[in-house]
N, C-alpha and C. Protein backbone atom coordinates (compact mmCIF):
# COMPACT_ATOMS: atom_id res chain seq x y z
N MET A 1 0.80 -1.19 0.00
CA MET A 1 0.00 0.00 0.00
C MET A 1 0.85 1.26 0.00
N TYR A 2 2.02 1.14 0.64
CA TYR A 2 2.91 2.29 0.69
C TYR A 2 3.44 2.66 -0.68
N LYS A 3 3.63 1.67 -1.54
CA LYS A 3 4.15 1.93 -2.88
C LYS A 3 3.17 2.80 -3.68
N LEU A 4 1.90 2.51 -3.52
CA LEU A 4 0.90 3.30 -4.23
C LEU A 4 0.85 4.73 -3.71
N GLU A 5 0.94 4.88 -2.40
CA GLU A 5 0.95 6.22 -1.82
C GLU A 5 2.21 6.99 -2.20
N ASP A 6 3.34 6.28 -2.23
CA ASP A 6 4.59 6.91 -2.66
C ASP A 6 4.52 7.35 -4.12
N ALA A 7 3.98 6.51 -4.96
CA ALA A 7 3.83 6.84 -6.38
C ALA A 7 2.91 8.04 -6.56
N LEU A 8 1.83 8.07 -5.79
CA LEU A 8 0.89 9.19 -5.87
C LEU A 8 1.56 10.47 -5.39
N ALA A 9 2.34 10.39 -4.34
CA ALA A 9 3.05 11.57 -3.82
C ALA A 9 4.06 12.08 -4.84
N GLN A 10 4.80 11.16 -5.50
CA GLN A 10 5.76 11.56 -6.53
C GLN A 10 5.04 12.19 -7.72
N PHE A 11 3.89 11.63 -8.07
CA PHE A 11 3.12 12.19 -9.19
C PHE A 11 2.63 13.61 -8.87
N ILE A 12 2.16 13.81 -7.64
CA ILE A 12 1.70 15.14 -7.23
C ILE A 12 2.87 16.12 -7.22
N GLN A 13 4.00 15.66 -6.73
CA GLN A 13 5.19 16.51 -6.67
C GLN A 13 5.64 16.89 -8.09
N ALA A 14 5.67 15.92 -9.00
CA ALA A 14 6.07 16.19 -10.38
C ALA A 14 5.07 17.11 -11.07
N SER A 15 3.79 16.89 -10.80
CA SER A 15 2.76 17.74 -11.40
C SER A 15 2.88 19.18 -10.91
N THR A 16 3.13 19.33 -9.63
CA THR A 16 3.31 20.67 -9.05
C THR A 16 4.53 21.37 -9.65
N PHE A 17 5.62 20.62 -9.79
CA PHE A 17 6.85 21.15 -10.38
C PHE A 17 6.59 21.60 -11.82
N ASN A 18 5.91 20.75 -12.60
CA ASN A 18 5.61 21.10 -13.99
C ASN A 18 4.69 22.31 -14.08
N GLN A 19 3.73 22.40 -13.17
CA GLN A 19 2.81 23.53 -13.18
C GLN A 19 3.56 24.83 -12.89
N LYS A 20 4.49 24.79 -11.93
CA LYS A 20 5.28 25.99 -11.61
C LYS A 20 6.16 26.39 -12.79
N ASN A 21 6.75 25.42 -13.48
CA ASN A 21 7.56 25.72 -14.66
C ASN A 21 6.70 26.33 -15.77
N THR A 22 5.51 25.78 -15.95
CA THR A 22 4.60 26.30 -16.97
C THR A 22 4.19 27.73 -16.64
N GLU A 23 3.88 28.00 -15.38
CA GLU A 23 3.51 29.35 -14.96
C GLU A 23 4.66 30.32 -15.18
N ALA A 24 5.89 29.89 -14.89
CA ALA A 24 7.06 30.75 -15.10
C ALA A 24 7.26 31.03 -16.58
N SER A 25 7.06 30.02 -17.42
CA SER A 25 7.20 30.21 -18.87
C SER A 25 6.14 31.17 -19.40
N ILE A 26 4.91 31.03 -18.91
CA ILE A 26 3.84 31.93 -19.34
C ILE A 26 4.15 33.36 -18.91
N LYS A 27 4.64 33.55 -17.70
CA LYS A 27 5.01 34.89 -17.21
C LYS A 27 6.11 35.48 -18.09
N ASN A 28 7.09 34.66 -18.46
CA ASN A 28 8.17 35.11 -19.33
C ASN A 28 7.62 35.54 -20.70
N LEU A 29 6.71 34.77 -21.24
CA LEU A 29 6.09 35.12 -22.52
C LEU A 29 5.29 36.41 -22.42
N GLU A 30 4.59 36.61 -21.30
CA GLU A 30 3.84 37.84 -21.10
C GLU A 30 4.77 39.05 -21.09
N VAL A 31 5.90 38.92 -20.45
CA VAL A 31 6.88 40.01 -20.41
C VAL A 31 7.40 40.29 -21.82
N GLN A 32 7.73 39.25 -22.57
CA GLN A 32 8.25 39.43 -23.92
C GLN A 32 7.22 40.06 -24.85
N VAL A 33 5.96 39.64 -24.74
CA VAL A 33 4.90 40.24 -25.56
C VAL A 33 4.74 41.71 -25.19
N GLY A 34 4.82 42.02 -23.91
CA GLY A 34 4.74 43.42 -23.47
C GLY A 34 5.86 44.25 -24.05
N GLN A 35 7.06 43.70 -24.11
CA GLN A 35 8.20 44.42 -24.69
C GLN A 35 7.99 44.65 -26.19
N ILE A 36 7.46 43.65 -26.88
CA ILE A 36 7.20 43.79 -28.32
C ILE A 36 6.14 44.86 -28.56
N VAL A 37 5.09 44.86 -27.76
CA VAL A 37 4.03 45.86 -27.90
C VAL A 37 4.60 47.25 -27.68
N LYS A 38 5.46 47.41 -26.69
CA LYS A 38 6.07 48.72 -26.41
C LYS A 38 6.94 49.16 -27.59
N GLN A 39 7.72 48.25 -28.16
CA GLN A 39 8.56 48.59 -29.30
C GLN A 39 7.71 49.00 -30.50
N LEU A 40 6.62 48.30 -30.74
CA LEU A 40 5.74 48.65 -31.84
C LEU A 40 5.11 50.01 -31.63
N ALA A 41 4.70 50.31 -30.41
CA ALA A 41 4.11 51.61 -30.11
C ALA A 41 5.14 52.72 -30.31
N ASP A 42 6.37 52.50 -29.86
CA ASP A 42 7.43 53.49 -30.06
C ASP A 42 7.73 53.68 -31.53
N HIS A 43 7.71 52.61 -32.29
CA HIS A 43 8.00 52.68 -33.72
C HIS A 43 6.91 53.46 -34.45
N GLN A 44 5.66 53.27 -34.07
CA GLN A 44 4.56 53.98 -34.73
C GLN A 44 4.60 55.47 -34.41
N GLU A 45 5.03 55.85 -33.21
CA GLU A 45 5.14 57.25 -32.86
C GLU A 45 6.20 57.94 -33.69
N SER A 46 7.28 57.25 -33.99
CA SER A 46 8.37 57.83 -34.78
C SER A 46 8.38 57.21 -36.16
N GLU A 47 7.26 57.26 -36.84
CA GLU A 47 7.10 56.58 -38.13
C GLU A 47 8.09 57.08 -39.18
N PHE A 48 8.40 58.37 -39.14
CA PHE A 48 9.28 58.94 -40.15
C PHE A 48 10.74 58.94 -39.75
N SER A 49 11.06 58.41 -38.60
CA SER A 49 12.43 58.48 -38.11
C SER A 49 13.42 57.75 -39.02
N THR A 50 12.97 56.75 -39.76
CA THR A 50 13.90 56.04 -40.63
C THR A 50 14.20 56.81 -41.90
N ASN A 51 13.39 57.82 -42.21
CA ASN A 51 13.58 58.59 -43.43
C ASN A 51 14.28 59.91 -43.18
N THR A 52 14.59 60.24 -41.95
CA THR A 52 15.18 61.54 -41.65
C THR A 52 16.69 61.45 -41.63
N GLN A 53 17.29 62.60 -41.89
CA GLN A 53 18.73 62.71 -41.80
C GLN A 53 19.04 63.83 -40.82
N VAL A 54 19.98 63.60 -39.93
CA VAL A 54 20.32 64.60 -38.94
C VAL A 54 21.14 65.69 -39.60
N ASN A 55 20.71 66.94 -39.42
CA ASN A 55 21.45 68.08 -39.93
C ASN A 55 22.45 68.48 -38.86
N THR A 56 23.71 68.24 -39.12
CA THR A 56 24.75 68.51 -38.13
C THR A 56 25.13 69.98 -38.09
N LYS A 57 24.72 70.76 -39.09
CA LYS A 57 25.05 72.18 -39.13
C LYS A 57 23.97 72.97 -38.42
N GLU A 58 24.37 74.11 -37.88
CA GLU A 58 23.43 74.90 -37.11
C GLU A 58 22.42 75.62 -38.01
N HIS A 59 22.86 76.10 -39.15
CA HIS A 59 21.97 76.84 -40.04
C HIS A 59 21.95 76.17 -41.41
N CYS A 60 20.83 76.31 -42.07
CA CYS A 60 20.70 75.75 -43.42
C CYS A 60 21.36 76.72 -44.40
N LYS A 61 22.26 76.24 -45.21
CA LYS A 61 22.97 77.09 -46.18
C LYS A 61 22.37 76.99 -47.57
N SER A 62 21.83 75.82 -47.93
CA SER A 62 21.23 75.66 -49.25
C SER A 62 20.25 74.50 -49.23
N ILE A 63 19.38 74.51 -50.25
CA ILE A 63 18.40 73.44 -50.40
C ILE A 63 18.44 72.99 -51.85
N THR A 64 18.35 71.67 -52.08
CA THR A 64 18.22 71.13 -53.44
C THR A 64 16.84 70.50 -53.53
N THR A 65 16.02 70.99 -54.46
CA THR A 65 14.67 70.47 -54.61
C THR A 65 14.69 69.16 -55.39
N ARG A 66 13.54 68.52 -55.48
CA ARG A 66 13.45 67.27 -56.24
C ARG A 66 13.70 67.51 -57.71
N GLU A 67 13.40 68.72 -58.16
CA GLU A 67 13.62 69.05 -59.57
C GLU A 67 15.08 69.38 -59.86
N GLY A 68 15.91 69.40 -58.83
CA GLY A 68 17.32 69.66 -59.03
C GLY A 68 17.68 71.12 -58.89
N ILE A 69 16.75 71.97 -58.47
CA ILE A 69 17.03 73.38 -58.29
C ILE A 69 17.78 73.55 -56.97
N VAL A 70 18.91 74.27 -57.03
CA VAL A 70 19.69 74.54 -55.84
C VAL A 70 19.36 75.95 -55.38
N ILE A 71 18.90 76.07 -54.15
CA ILE A 71 18.53 77.35 -53.58
C ILE A 71 19.53 77.64 -52.49
N GLU A 72 20.21 78.78 -52.59
CA GLU A 72 21.26 79.08 -51.61
C GLU A 72 20.85 80.26 -50.75
N ASN A 73 21.58 81.37 -50.80
CA ASN A 73 21.33 82.53 -49.93
C ASN A 73 19.89 83.02 -50.05
N GLY A 74 19.30 83.49 -48.96
CA GLY A 74 17.93 83.97 -48.95
C GLY A 74 16.98 82.89 -49.42
N ILE A 75 17.02 81.76 -48.80
CA ILE A 75 16.32 80.56 -49.26
C ILE A 75 14.88 80.84 -49.62
N GLY A 76 14.12 81.53 -48.79
CA GLY A 76 12.72 81.79 -49.08
C GLY A 76 12.54 82.70 -50.28
N ASP A 77 13.43 83.68 -50.46
CA ASP A 77 13.33 84.62 -51.57
C ASP A 77 13.66 83.96 -52.90
N ASN A 78 14.68 83.13 -52.91
CA ASN A 78 15.13 82.52 -54.15
C ASN A 78 14.15 81.50 -54.71
N LEU A 79 13.37 80.89 -53.87
CA LEU A 79 12.47 79.84 -54.32
C LEU A 79 11.48 80.35 -55.35
N SER A 80 10.83 81.48 -55.07
CA SER A 80 9.86 82.02 -56.03
C SER A 80 10.57 82.48 -57.31
N GLU A 81 11.75 83.06 -57.18
CA GLU A 81 12.51 83.50 -58.36
C GLU A 81 12.90 82.30 -59.23
N GLU A 82 13.35 81.23 -58.62
CA GLU A 82 13.75 80.04 -59.38
C GLU A 82 12.57 79.43 -60.12
N LYS A 83 11.39 79.40 -59.49
CA LYS A 83 10.22 78.86 -60.16
C LYS A 83 9.82 79.72 -61.35
N GLU A 84 9.88 81.04 -61.18
CA GLU A 84 9.54 81.95 -62.29
C GLU A 84 10.54 81.78 -63.44
N ASN A 85 11.82 81.70 -63.13
CA ASN A 85 12.84 81.52 -64.16
C ASN A 85 12.66 80.20 -64.89
N ARG A 86 12.31 79.17 -64.16
CA ARG A 86 12.10 77.86 -64.77
C ARG A 86 10.91 77.89 -65.72
N LYS A 87 9.81 78.55 -65.29
CA LYS A 87 8.64 78.68 -66.15
C LYS A 87 8.97 79.46 -67.41
N LYS A 88 9.71 80.51 -67.26
CA LYS A 88 10.12 81.32 -68.44
C LYS A 88 10.99 80.49 -69.37
N GLY A 89 11.87 79.70 -68.80
CA GLY A 89 12.74 78.85 -69.60
C GLY A 89 11.95 77.81 -70.37
N ASN A 90 10.92 77.24 -69.77
CA ASN A 90 10.06 76.26 -70.43
C ASN A 90 9.22 76.90 -71.53
N ASN A 91 8.77 78.14 -71.30
CA ASN A 91 7.97 78.82 -72.30
C ASN A 91 8.79 79.19 -73.52
N LYS A 92 10.08 79.51 -73.34
CA LYS A 92 10.95 79.86 -74.46
C LYS A 92 11.19 78.69 -75.37
N SER A 93 11.25 77.48 -74.82
CA SER A 93 11.55 76.30 -75.64
C SER A 93 10.35 75.86 -76.44
N GLU A 94 9.12 76.33 -76.10
CA GLU A 94 7.93 75.88 -76.82
C GLU A 94 7.74 76.64 -78.08
C-alpha cells in the first residue's frame, strides 16, 4: 500500500513542479509580448524616423529640390525666383 501512496506523492510533486515551470514560462512570454508591444508603439510614434537625416550644421545654407534646383542665400526669396525663371525657360523652348 505504501508503494501506491509513494507513487501518488511523486506524481503530485512532479505535477506541481511542472505547473510551476509552466507558470514561469507563461510569465516570461507575457513580459516578452509586453516588450514587443512597447517597441511597436514606439515605432509607430516615430514613423518617419527612418527617413530623416540629422542636420549637423546649425543653419541651413542651401536646399536642393526634387527638380534639381539649388537654392542658396535667402532661401525663401530665391524659391519664387527660381520657379519663375524655370517657367520662363520652359515657355521659351515651346
